Amino acid sequence: LSASGSLIDFGLYFFHNARALIDAGRGPYFYLAKLESSEEARLWDD
């Protein structure tokens, strides 16, 4: 199937930039769009 746009966008940004952001005194931060339930939020948390 087509890959998940959410996991692709999040994964590439996090993988390449998390450490650089932390070193700069900030961090890997995200806006989560279109959620419809707490179960979807739990999925993101995992």
ModelCIF file with pLDDT and N, C-alpha, C, O atoms, coordinates in Angstrom:
data_MODEL
#
_entry.id   MODEL 
#
_entity.id                         1 
_entity.type                       polymer 
_entity.pdbx_number_of_molecules   1 
#
_entity_poly.entity_id                      1 
_entity_poly.type                           'polypeptide(L)' 
_entity_poly.nstd_linkage                   no 
_entity_poly.nstd_monomer                   no 
_entity_poly.pdbx_seq_one_letter_code       LSASGSLIDFGLYFFHNARALIDAGRGPYFYLAKLESSEEARLWDD 
_entity_poly.pdbx_seq_one_letter_code_can   LSASGSLIDFGLYFFHNARALIDAGRGPYFYLAKLESSEEARLWDD 
_entity_poly.pdbx_strand_id                 A 
#
loop_
_entity_poly_seq.entity_id 
_entity_poly_seq.num 
_entity_poly_seq.mon_id 
_entity_poly_seq.hetero 
1 1  LEU n 
1 2  SER n 
1 3  ALA n 
1 4  SER n 
1 5  GLY n 
1 6  SER n 
1 7  LEU n 
1 8  ILE n 
1 9  ASP n 
1 10 PHE n 
1 11 GLY n 
1 12 LEU n 
1 13 TYR n 
1 14 PHE n 
1 15 PHE n 
1 16 HIS n 
1 17 ASN n 
1 18 ALA n 
1 19 ARG n 
1 20 ALA n 
1 21 LEU n 
1 22 ILE n 
1 23 ASP n 
1 24 ALA n 
1 25 GLY n 
1 26 ARG n 
1 27 GLY n 
1 28 PRO n 
1 29 TYR n 
1 30 PHE n 
1 31 TYR n 
1 32 LEU n 
1 33 ALA n 
1 34 LYS n 
1 35 LEU n 
1 36 GLU n 
1 37 SER n 
1 38 SER n 
1 39 GLU n 
1 40 GLU n 
1 41 ALA n 
1 42 ARG n 
1 43 LEU n 
1 44 TRP n 
1 45 ASP n 
1 46 ASP n 
#
_struct_asym.id          A 
_struct_asym.entity_id   1 
#
loop_
_ma_qa_metric.id 
_ma_qa_metric.mode 
_ma_qa_metric.name 
_ma_qa_metric.software_group_id 
_ma_qa_metric.type 
1 global pLDDT . pLDDT 
2 local  pLDDT . pLDDT 
#
_ma_qa_metric_global.metric_id      1 
_ma_qa_metric_global.metric_value   97.91 
_ma_qa_metric_global.model_id       1 
_ma_qa_metric_global.ordinal_id     1 
#
loop_
_ma_qa_metric_local.label_asym_id 
_ma_qa_metric_local.label_comp_id 
_ma_qa_metric_local.label_seq_id 
_ma_qa_metric_local.metric_id 
_ma_qa_metric_local.metric_value 
_ma_qa_metric_local.model_id 
_ma_qa_metric_local.ordinal_id 
A LEU 1  2 96.00 1 1  
A SER 2  2 97.00 1 2  
A ALA 3  2 98.00 1 3  
A SER 4  2 98.00 1 4  
A GLY 5  2 98.00 1 5  
A SER 6  2 98.00 1 6  
A LEU 7  2 98.00 1 7  
A ILE 8  2 98.00 1 8  
A ASP 9  2 98.00 1 9  
A PHE 10 2 99.00 1 10 
A GLY 11 2 98.00 1 11 
A LEU 12 2 98.00 1 12 
A TYR 13 2 99.00 1 13 
A PHE 14 2 98.00 1 14 
A PHE 15 2 98.00 1 15 
A HIS 16 2 98.00 1 16 
A ASN 17 2 98.00 1 17 
A ALA 18 2 98.00 1 18 
A ARG 19 2 98.00 1 19 
A ALA 20 2 98.00 1 20 
A LEU 21 2 98.00 1 21 
A ILE 22 2 98.00 1 22 
A ASP 23 2 97.00 1 23 
A ALA 24 2 96.00 1 24 
A GLY 25 2 97.00 1 25 
A ARG 26 2 98.00 1 26 
A GLY 27 2 98.00 1 27 
A PRO 28 2 98.00 1 28 
A TYR 29 2 98.00 1 29 
A PHE 30 2 98.00 1 30 
A TYR 31 2 98.00 1 31 
A LEU 32 2 98.00 1 32 
A ALA 33 2 98.00 1 33 
A LYS 34 2 98.00 1 34 
A LEU 35 2 98.00 1 35 
A GLU 36 2 98.00 1 36 
A SER 37 2 98.00 1 37 
A SER 38 2 98.00 1 38 
A GLU 39 2 98.00 1 39 
A GLU 40 2 98.00 1 40 
A ALA 41 2 98.00 1 41 
A ARG 42 2 98.00 1 42 
A LEU 43 2 98.00 1 43 
A TRP 44 2 99.00 1 44 
A ASP 45 2 98.00 1 45 
A ASP 46 2 98.00 1 46 
#
loop_
_atom_site.group_PDB 
_atom_site.id 
_atom_site.type_symbol 
_atom_site.label_atom_id 
_atom_site.label_alt_id 
_atom_site.label_comp_id 
_atom_site.label_asym_id 
_atom_site.label_entity_id 
_atom_site.label_seq_id 
_atom_site.pdbx_PDB_ins_code 
_atom_site.Cartn_x 
_atom_site.Cartn_y 
_atom_site.Cartn_z 
_atom_site.occupancy 
_atom_site.B_iso_or_equiv 
_atom_site.pdbx_formal_charge 
_atom_site.auth_seq_id 
_atom_site.auth_comp_id 
_atom_site.auth_asym_id 
_atom_site.auth_atom_id 
_atom_site.pdbx_PDB_model_num 
ATOM 1   N N  . LEU A 1 1  ? 0.851   -1.182 0.000  1.00 96.00 ? 1  LEU A N  1 
ATOM 2   C CA . LEU A 1 1  ? 0.000   0.000  0.000  1.00 96.00 ? 1  LEU A CA 1 
ATOM 3   C C  . LEU A 1 1  ? 0.892   1.240  0.000  1.00 96.00 ? 1  LEU A C  1 
ATOM 4   O O  . LEU A 1 1  ? 2.094   1.150  0.249  1.00 96.00 ? 1  LEU A O  1 
ATOM 5   N N  . SER A 1 2  ? 0.294   2.393  -0.281 1.00 97.00 ? 2  SER A N  1 
ATOM 6   C CA . SER A 1 2  ? 1.041   3.637  -0.157 1.00 97.00 ? 2  SER A CA 1 
ATOM 7   C C  . SER A 1 2  ? 1.500   3.807  1.283  1.00 97.00 ? 2  SER A C  1 
ATOM 8   O O  . SER A 1 2  ? 0.770   3.484  2.221  1.00 97.00 ? 2  SER A O  1 
ATOM 9   N N  . ALA A 1 3  ? 2.716   4.316  1.451  1.00 98.00 ? 3  ALA A N  1 
ATOM 10  C CA . ALA A 1 3  ? 3.212   4.591  2.798  1.00 98.00 ? 3  ALA A CA 1 
ATOM 11  C C  . ALA A 1 3  ? 2.384   5.706  3.433  1.00 98.00 ? 3  ALA A C  1 
ATOM 12  O O  . ALA A 1 3  ? 1.706   6.460  2.736  1.00 98.00 ? 3  ALA A O  1 
ATOM 13  N N  . SER A 1 4  ? 2.444   5.802  4.743  1.00 98.00 ? 4  SER A N  1 
ATOM 14  C CA . SER A 1 4  ? 1.726   6.834  5.491  1.00 98.00 ? 4  SER A CA 1 
ATOM 15  C C  . SER A 1 4  ? 2.435   8.169  5.353  1.00 98.00 ? 4  SER A C  1 
ATOM 16  O O  . SER A 1 4  ? 3.622   8.279  5.660  1.00 98.00 ? 4  SER A O  1 
ATOM 17  N N  . GLY A 1 5  ? 1.709   9.192  4.889  1.00 98.00 ? 5  GLY A N  1 
ATOM 18  C CA . GLY A 1 5  ? 2.292   10.525 4.830  1.00 98.00 ? 5  GLY A CA 1 
ATOM 19  C C  . GLY A 1 5  ? 2.724   11.010 6.202  1.00 98.00 ? 5  GLY A C  1 
ATOM 20  O O  . GLY A 1 5  ? 3.753   11.674 6.328  1.00 98.00 ? 5  GLY A O  1 
ATOM 21  N N  . SER A 1 6  ? 1.950   10.686 7.236  1.00 98.00 ? 6  SER A N  1 
ATOM 22  C CA . SER A 1 6  ? 2.297   11.079 8.605  1.00 98.00 ? 6  SER A CA 1 
ATOM 23  C C  . SER A 1 6  ? 3.640   10.503 9.024  1.00 98.00 ? 6  SER A C  1 
ATOM 24  O O  . SER A 1 6  ? 4.511   11.226 9.507  1.00 98.00 ? 6  SER A O  1 
ATOM 25  N N  . LEU A 1 7  ? 3.801   9.201  8.838  1.00 98.00 ? 7  LEU A N  1 
ATOM 26  C CA . LEU A 1 7  ? 5.033   8.545  9.285  1.00 98.00 ? 7  LEU A CA 1 
ATOM 27  C C  . LEU A 1 7  ? 6.228   8.963  8.451  1.00 98.00 ? 7  LEU A C  1 
ATOM 28  O O  . LEU A 1 7  ? 7.338   9.066  8.974  1.00 98.00 ? 7  LEU A O  1 
ATOM 29  N N  . ILE A 1 8  ? 6.026   9.207  7.155  1.00 98.00 ? 8  ILE A N  1 
ATOM 30  C CA . ILE A 1 8  ? 7.121   9.663  6.301  1.00 98.00 ? 8  ILE A CA 1 
ATOM 31  C C  . ILE A 1 8  ? 7.588   11.047 6.740  1.00 98.00 ? 8  ILE A C  1 
ATOM 32  O O  . ILE A 1 8  ? 8.778   11.262 6.971  1.00 98.00 ? 8  ILE A O  1 
ATOM 33  N N  . ASP A 1 9  ? 6.646   11.986 6.853  1.00 98.00 ? 9  ASP A N  1 
ATOM 34  C CA . ASP A 1 9  ? 7.026   13.361 7.199  1.00 98.00 ? 9  ASP A CA 1 
ATOM 35  C C  . ASP A 1 9  ? 7.649   13.435 8.583  1.00 98.00 ? 9  ASP A C  1 
ATOM 36  O O  . ASP A 1 9  ? 8.712   14.029 8.770  1.00 98.00 ? 9  ASP A O  1 
ATOM 37  N N  . PHE A 1 10 ? 6.972   12.823 9.551  1.00 99.00 ? 10 PHE A N  1 
ATOM 38  C CA . PHE A 1 10 ? 7.512   12.820 10.909 1.00 99.00 ? 10 PHE A CA 1 
ATOM 39  C C  . PHE A 1 10 ? 8.867   12.126 10.947 1.00 99.00 ? 10 PHE A C  1 
ATOM 40  O O  . PHE A 1 10 ? 9.833   12.656 11.497 1.00 99.00 ? 10 PHE A O  1 
ATOM 41  N N  . GLY A 1 11 ? 8.929   10.930 10.354 1.00 98.00 ? 11 GLY A N  1 
ATOM 42  C CA . GLY A 1 11 ? 10.128  10.106 10.477 1.00 98.00 ? 11 GLY A CA 1 
ATOM 43  C C  . GLY A 1 11 ? 11.358  10.754 9.878  1.00 98.00 ? 11 GLY A C  1 
ATOM 44  O O  . GLY A 1 11 ? 12.422  10.735 10.496 1.00 98.00 ? 11 GLY A O  1 
ATOM 45  N N  . LEU A 1 12 ? 11.241  11.330 8.687  1.00 98.00 ? 12 LEU A N  1 
ATOM 46  C CA . LEU A 1 12 ? 12.404  11.955 8.057  1.00 98.00 ? 12 LEU A CA 1 
ATOM 47  C C  . LEU A 1 12 ? 12.874  13.170 8.854  1.00 98.00 ? 12 LEU A C  1 
ATOM 48  O O  . LEU A 1 12 ? 14.073  13.350 9.064  1.00 98.00 ? 12 LEU A O  1 
ATOM 49  N N  . TYR A 1 13 ? 11.936  13.999 9.296  1.00 99.00 ? 13 TYR A N  1 
ATOM 50  C CA . TYR A 1 13 ? 12.315  15.197 10.052 1.00 99.00 ? 13 TYR A CA 1 
ATOM 51  C C  . TYR A 1 13 ? 12.950  14.816 11.385 1.00 99.00 ? 13 TYR A C  1 
ATOM 52  O O  . TYR A 1 13 ? 13.986  15.362 11.764 1.00 99.00 ? 13 TYR A O  1 
ATOM 53  N N  . PHE A 1 14 ? 12.333  13.889 12.084 1.00 98.00 ? 14 PHE A N  1 
ATOM 54  C CA . PHE A 1 14 ? 12.851  13.482 13.385 1.00 98.00 ? 14 PHE A CA 1 
ATOM 55  C C  . PHE A 1 14 ? 14.218  12.823 13.246 1.00 98.00 ? 14 PHE A C  1 
ATOM 56  O O  . PHE A 1 14 ? 15.144  13.152 13.988 1.00 98.00 ? 14 PHE A O  1 
ATOM 57  N N  . PHE A 1 15 ? 14.348  11.906 12.311 1.00 98.00 ? 15 PHE A N  1 
ATOM 58  C CA . PHE A 1 15 ? 15.592  11.151 12.170 1.00 98.00 ? 15 PHE A CA 1 
ATOM 59  C C  . PHE A 1 15 ? 16.768  12.078 11.877 1.00 98.00 ? 15 PHE A C  1 
ATOM 60  O O  . PHE A 1 15 ? 17.843  11.928 12.458 1.00 98.00 ? 15 PHE A O  1 
ATOM 61  N N  . HIS A 1 16 ? 16.563  13.029 10.982 1.00 98.00 ? 16 HIS A N  1 
ATOM 62  C CA . HIS A 1 16 ? 17.678  13.875 10.555 1.00 98.00 ? 16 HIS A CA 1 
ATOM 63  C C  . HIS A 1 16 ? 17.945  15.052 11.496 1.00 98.00 ? 16 HIS A C  1 
ATOM 64  O O  . HIS A 1 16 ? 19.062  15.569 11.522 1.00 98.00 ? 16 HIS A O  1 
ATOM 65  N N  . ASN A 1 17 ? 16.950  15.484 12.263 1.00 98.00 ? 17 ASN A N  1 
ATOM 66  C CA . ASN A 1 17 ? 17.099  16.769 12.948 1.00 98.00 ? 17 ASN A CA 1 
ATOM 67  C C  . ASN A 1 17 ? 16.967  16.733 14.467 1.00 98.00 ? 17 ASN A C  1 
ATOM 68  O O  . ASN A 1 17 ? 17.270  17.729 15.124 1.00 98.00 ? 17 ASN A O  1 
ATOM 69  N N  . ALA A 1 18 ? 16.526  15.626 15.039 1.00 98.00 ? 18 ALA A N  1 
ATOM 70  C CA . ALA A 1 18 ? 16.258  15.614 16.482 1.00 98.00 ? 18 ALA A CA 1 
ATOM 71  C C  . ALA A 1 18 ? 17.487  16.023 17.290 1.00 98.00 ? 18 ALA A C  1 
ATOM 72  O O  . ALA A 1 18 ? 17.402  16.882 18.168 1.00 98.00 ? 18 ALA A O  1 
ATOM 73  N N  . ARG A 1 19 ? 18.612  15.412 16.995 1.00 98.00 ? 19 ARG A N  1 
ATOM 74  C CA . ARG A 1 19 ? 19.811  15.703 17.797 1.00 98.00 ? 19 ARG A CA 1 
ATOM 75  C C  . ARG A 1 19 ? 20.289  17.138 17.578 1.00 98.00 ? 19 ARG A C  1 
ATOM 76  O O  . ARG A 1 19 ? 20.698  17.805 18.528 1.00 98.00 ? 19 ARG A O  1 
ATOM 77  N N  . ALA A 1 20 ? 20.240  17.617 16.333 1.00 98.00 ? 20 ALA A N  1 
ATOM 78  C CA . ALA A 1 20 ? 20.672  18.995 16.060 1.00 98.00 ? 20 ALA A CA 1 
ATOM 79  C C  . ALA A 1 20 ? 19.768  19.998 16.772 1.00 98.00 ? 20 ALA A C  1 
ATOM 80  O O  . ALA A 1 20 ? 20.246  21.016 17.272 1.00 98.00 ? 20 ALA A O  1 
ATOM 81  N N  . LEU A 1 21 ? 18.486  19.720 16.820 1.00 98.00 ? 21 LEU A N  1 
ATOM 82  C CA . LEU A 1 21 ? 17.560  20.610 17.518 1.00 98.00 ? 21 LEU A CA 1 
ATOM 83  C C  . LEU A 1 21 ? 17.828  20.619 19.018 1.00 98.00 ? 21 LEU A C  1 
ATOM 84  O O  . LEU A 1 21 ? 17.819  21.677 19.646 1.00 98.00 ? 21 LEU A O  1 
ATOM 85  N N  . ILE A 1 22 ? 18.065  19.451 19.589 1.00 98.00 ? 22 ILE A N  1 
ATOM 86  C CA . ILE A 1 22 ? 18.362  19.367 21.024 1.00 98.00 ? 22 ILE A CA 1 
ATOM 87  C C  . ILE A 1 22 ? 19.655  20.110 21.330 1.00 98.00 ? 22 ILE A C  1 
ATOM 88  O O  . ILE A 1 22 ? 19.734  20.837 22.321 1.00 98.00 ? 22 ILE A O  1 
ATOM 89  N N  . ASP A 1 23 ? 20.668  19.932 20.486 1.00 97.00 ? 23 ASP A N  1 
ATOM 90  C CA . ASP A 1 23 ? 21.957  20.602 20.694 1.00 97.00 ? 23 ASP A CA 1 
ATOM 91  C C  . ASP A 1 23 ? 21.817  22.122 20.611 1.00 97.00 ? 23 ASP A C  1 
ATOM 92  O O  . ASP A 1 23 ? 22.587  22.857 21.229 1.00 97.00 ? 23 ASP A O  1 
ATOM 93  N N  . ALA A 1 24 ? 20.825  22.588 19.841 1.00 96.00 ? 24 ALA A N  1 
ATOM 94  C CA . ALA A 1 24 ? 20.600  24.028 19.696 1.00 96.00 ? 24 ALA A CA 1 
ATOM 95  C C  . ALA A 1 24 ? 19.744  24.599 20.824 1.00 96.00 ? 24 ALA A C  1 
ATOM 96  O O  . ALA A 1 24 ? 19.420  25.786 20.825 1.00 96.00 ? 24 ALA A O  1 
ATOM 97  N N  . GLY A 1 25 ? 19.380  23.748 21.784 1.00 97.00 ? 25 GLY A N  1 
ATOM 98  C CA . GLY A 1 25 ? 18.604  24.222 22.927 1.00 97.00 ? 25 GLY A CA 1 
ATOM 99  C C  . GLY A 1 25 ? 17.112  24.222 22.699 1.00 97.00 ? 25 GLY A C  1 
ATOM 100 O O  . GLY A 1 25 ? 16.368  24.859 23.444 1.00 97.00 ? 25 GLY A O  1 
ATOM 101 N N  . ARG A 1 26 ? 16.666  23.515 21.680 1.00 98.00 ? 26 ARG A N  1 
ATOM 102 C CA . ARG A 1 26 ? 15.234  23.394 21.417 1.00 98.00 ? 26 ARG A CA 1 
ATOM 103 C C  . ARG A 1 26 ? 14.882  21.915 21.385 1.00 98.00 ? 26 ARG A C  1 
ATOM 104 O O  . ARG A 1 26 ? 15.281  21.181 22.289 1.00 98.00 ? 26 ARG A O  1 
ATOM 105 N N  . GLY A 1 27 ? 14.158  21.455 20.390 1.00 98.00 ? 27 GLY A N  1 
ATOM 106 C CA . GLY A 1 27 ? 13.822  20.047 20.361 1.00 98.00 ? 27 GLY A CA 1 
ATOM 107 C C  . GLY A 1 27 ? 12.970  19.697 19.161 1.00 98.00 ? 27 GLY A C  1 
ATOM 108 O O  . GLY A 1 27 ? 12.547  20.581 18.416 1.00 98.00 ? 27 GLY A O  1 
ATOM 109 N N  . PRO A 1 28 ? 12.713  18.400 18.968 1.00 98.00 ? 28 PRO A N  1 
ATOM 110 C CA . PRO A 1 28 ? 11.846  17.953 17.868 1.00 98.00 ? 28 PRO A CA 1 
ATOM 111 C C  . PRO A 1 28 ? 10.381  18.137 18.251 1.00 98.00 ? 28 PRO A C  1 
ATOM 112 O O  . PRO A 1 28 ? 9.835   17.378 19.052 1.00 98.00 ? 28 PRO A O  1 
ATOM 113 N N  . TYR A 1 29 ? 9.759   19.149 17.672 1.00 98.00 ? 29 TYR A N  1 
ATOM 114 C CA . TYR A 1 29 ? 8.390   19.527 18.041 1.00 98.00 ? 29 TYR A CA 1 
ATOM 115 C C  . TYR A 1 29 ? 7.468   19.392 16.833 1.00 98.00 ? 29 TYR A C  1 
ATOM 116 O O  . TYR A 1 29 ? 7.870   19.633 15.694 1.00 98.00 ? 29 TYR A O  1 
ATOM 117 N N  . PHE A 1 30 ? 6.220   19.000 17.106 1.00 98.00 ? 30 PHE A N  1 
ATOM 118 C CA . PHE A 1 30 ? 5.292   18.687 16.020 1.00 98.00 ? 30 PHE A CA 1 
ATOM 119 C C  . PHE A 1 30 ? 3.898   19.220 16.305 1.00 98.00 ? 30 PHE A C  1 
ATOM 120 O O  . PHE A 1 30 ? 3.437   19.228 17.446 1.00 98.00 ? 30 PHE A O  1 
ATOM 121 N N  . TYR A 1 31 ? 3.240   19.662 15.249 1.00 98.00 ? 31 TYR A N  1 
ATOM 122 C CA . TYR A 1 31 ? 1.799   19.908 15.247 1.00 98.00 ? 31 TYR A CA 1 
ATOM 123 C C  . TYR A 1 31 ? 1.122   18.679 14.667 1.00 98.00 ? 31 TYR A C  1 
ATOM 124 O O  . TYR A 1 31 ? 1.533   18.188 13.615 1.00 98.00 ? 31 TYR A O  1 
ATOM 125 N N  . LEU A 1 32 ? 0.101   18.178 15.327 1.00 98.00 ? 32 LEU A N  1 
ATOM 126 C CA . LEU A 1 32 ? -0.604  16.977 14.866 1.00 98.00 ? 32 LEU A CA 1 
ATOM 127 C C  . LEU A 1 32 ? -1.963  17.369 14.313 1.00 98.00 ? 32 LEU A C  1 
ATOM 128 O O  . LEU A 1 32 ? -2.798  17.937 15.017 1.00 98.00 ? 32 LEU A O  1 
ATOM 129 N N  . ALA A 1 33 ? -2.172  17.054 13.032 1.00 98.00 ? 33 ALA A N  1 
ATOM 130 C CA . ALA A 1 33 ? -3.357  17.524 12.315 1.00 98.00 ? 33 ALA A CA 1 
ATOM 131 C C  . ALA A 1 33 ? -4.428  16.445 12.216 1.00 98.00 ? 33 ALA A C  1 
ATOM 132 O O  . ALA A 1 33 ? -4.137  15.249 12.181 1.00 98.00 ? 33 ALA A O  1 
ATOM 133 N N  . LYS A 1 34 ? -5.682  16.907 12.172 1.00 98.00 ? 34 LYS A N  1 
ATOM 134 C CA . LYS A 1 34 ? -6.842  16.109 11.784 1.00 98.00 ? 34 LYS A CA 1 
ATOM 135 C C  . LYS A 1 34 ? -7.181  14.968 12.749 1.00 98.00 ? 34 LYS A C  1 
ATOM 136 O O  . LYS A 1 34 ? -7.944  14.073 12.385 1.00 98.00 ? 34 LYS A O  1 
ATOM 137 N N  . LEU A 1 35 ? -6.633  14.976 13.972 1.00 98.00 ? 35 LEU A N  1 
ATOM 138 C CA . LEU A 1 35 ? -6.981  13.899 14.908 1.00 98.00 ? 35 LEU A CA 1 
ATOM 139 C C  . LEU A 1 35 ? -8.479  13.901 15.199 1.00 98.00 ? 35 LEU A C  1 
ATOM 140 O O  . LEU A 1 35 ? -9.109  14.955 15.284 1.00 98.00 ? 35 LEU A O  1 
ATOM 141 N N  . GLU A 1 36 ? -9.038  12.693 15.350 1.00 98.00 ? 36 GLU A N  1 
ATOM 142 C CA . GLU A 1 36 ? -10.465 12.572 15.631 1.00 98.00 ? 36 GLU A CA 1 
ATOM 143 C C  . GLU A 1 36 ? -10.765 11.834 16.931 1.00 98.00 ? 36 GLU A C  1 
ATOM 144 O O  . GLU A 1 36 ? -11.924 11.752 17.337 1.00 98.00 ? 36 GLU A O  1 
ATOM 145 N N  . SER A 1 37 ? -9.739  11.297 17.590 1.00 98.00 ? 37 SER A N  1 
ATOM 146 C CA . SER A 1 37 ? -10.017 10.525 18.808 1.00 98.00 ? 37 SER A CA 1 
ATOM 147 C C  . SER A 1 37 ? -8.766  10.423 19.663 1.00 98.00 ? 37 SER A C  1 
ATOM 148 O O  . SER A 1 37 ? -7.651  10.667 19.202 1.00 98.00 ? 37 SER A O  1 
ATOM 149 N N  . SER A 1 38 ? -8.982  10.053 20.929 1.00 98.00 ? 38 SER A N  1 
ATOM 150 C CA . SER A 1 38 ? -7.850  9.831  21.825 1.00 98.00 ? 38 SER A CA 1 
ATOM 151 C C  . SER A 1 38 ? -7.063  8.593  21.416 1.00 98.00 ? 38 SER A C  1 
ATOM 152 O O  . SER A 1 38 ? -5.868  8.496  21.696 1.00 98.00 ? 38 SER A O  1 
ATOM 153 N N  . GLU A 1 39 ? -7.729  7.641  20.753 1.00 98.00 ? 39 GLU A N  1 
ATOM 154 C CA . GLU A 1 39 ? -6.995  6.466  20.254 1.00 98.00 ? 39 GLU A CA 1 
ATOM 155 C C  . GLU A 1 39 ? -5.979  6.863  19.190 1.00 98.00 ? 39 GLU A C  1 
ATOM 156 O O  . GLU A 1 39 ? -4.894  6.286  19.119 1.00 98.00 ? 39 GLU A O  1 
ATOM 157 N N  . GLU A 1 40 ? -6.327  7.845  18.366 1.00 98.00 ? 40 GLU A N  1 
ATOM 158 C CA . GLU A 1 40 ? -5.362  8.345  17.387 1.00 98.00 ? 40 GLU A CA 1 
ATOM 159 C C  . GLU A 1 40 ? -4.217  9.065  18.088 1.00 98.00 ? 40 GLU A C  1 
ATOM 160 O O  . GLU A 1 40 ? -3.069  8.970  17.656 1.00 98.00 ? 40 GLU A O  1 
ATOM 161 N N  . ALA A 1 41 ? -4.519  9.783  19.164 1.00 98.00 ? 41 ALA A N  1 
ATOM 162 C CA . ALA A 1 41 ? -3.473  10.435 19.944 1.00 98.00 ? 41 ALA A CA 1 
ATOM 163 C C  . ALA A 1 41 ? -2.552  9.406  20.585 1.00 98.00 ? 41 ALA A C  1 
ATOM 164 O O  . ALA A 1 41 ? -1.337  9.594  20.629 1.00 98.00 ? 41 ALA A O  1 
ATOM 165 N N  . ARG A 1 42 ? -3.136  8.314  21.082 1.00 98.00 ? 42 ARG A N  1 
ATOM 166 C CA . ARG A 1 42 ? -2.316  7.246  21.677 1.00 98.00 ? 42 ARG A CA 1 
ATOM 167 C C  . ARG A 1 42 ? -1.372  6.638  20.647 1.00 98.00 ? 42 ARG A C  1 
ATOM 168 O O  . ARG A 1 42 ? -0.232  6.297  20.962 1.00 98.00 ? 42 ARG A O  1 
ATOM 169 N N  . LEU A 1 43 ? -1.851  6.507  19.427 1.00 98.00 ? 43 LEU A N  1 
ATOM 170 C CA . LEU A 1 43 ? -0.990  5.992  18.364 1.00 98.00 ? 43 LEU A CA 1 
ATOM 171 C C  . LEU A 1 43 ? 0.207   6.911  18.157 1.00 98.00 ? 43 LEU A C  1 
ATOM 172 O O  . LEU A 1 43 ? 1.340   6.443  18.053 1.00 98.00 ? 43 LEU A O  1 
ATOM 173 N N  . TRP A 1 44 ? -0.042  8.218  18.097 1.00 99.00 ? 44 TRP A N  1 
ATOM 174 C CA . TRP A 1 44 ? 1.079   9.146  17.961 1.00 99.00 ? 44 TRP A CA 1 
ATOM 175 C C  . TRP A 1 44 ? 2.022   9.036  19.160 1.00 99.00 ? 44 TRP A C  1 
ATOM 176 O O  . TRP A 1 44 ? 3.241   9.066  18.991 1.00 99.00 ? 44 TRP A O  1 
ATOM 177 N N  . ASP A 1 45 ? 1.476   8.912  20.350 1.00 98.00 ? 45 ASP A N  1 
ATOM 178 C CA . ASP A 1 45 ? 2.330   8.833  21.530 1.00 98.00 ? 45 ASP A CA 1 
ATOM 179 C C  . ASP A 1 45 ? 3.229   7.604  21.476 1.00 98.00 ? 45 ASP A C  1 
ATOM 180 O O  . ASP A 1 45 ? 4.396   7.665  21.862 1.00 98.00 ? 45 ASP A O  1 
ATOM 181 N N  . ASP A 1 46 ? 2.690   6.502  21.003 1.00 98.00 ? 46 ASP A N  1 
ATOM 182 C CA . ASP A 1 46 ? 3.509   5.291  20.867 1.00 98.00 ? 46 ASP A CA 1 
ATOM 183 C C  . ASP A 1 46 ? 4.579   5.465  19.789 1.00 98.00 ? 46 ASP A C  1 
ATOM 184 O O  . ASP A 1 46 ? 5.358   4.545  19.539 1.00 98.00 ? 46 ASP A O  1 
#
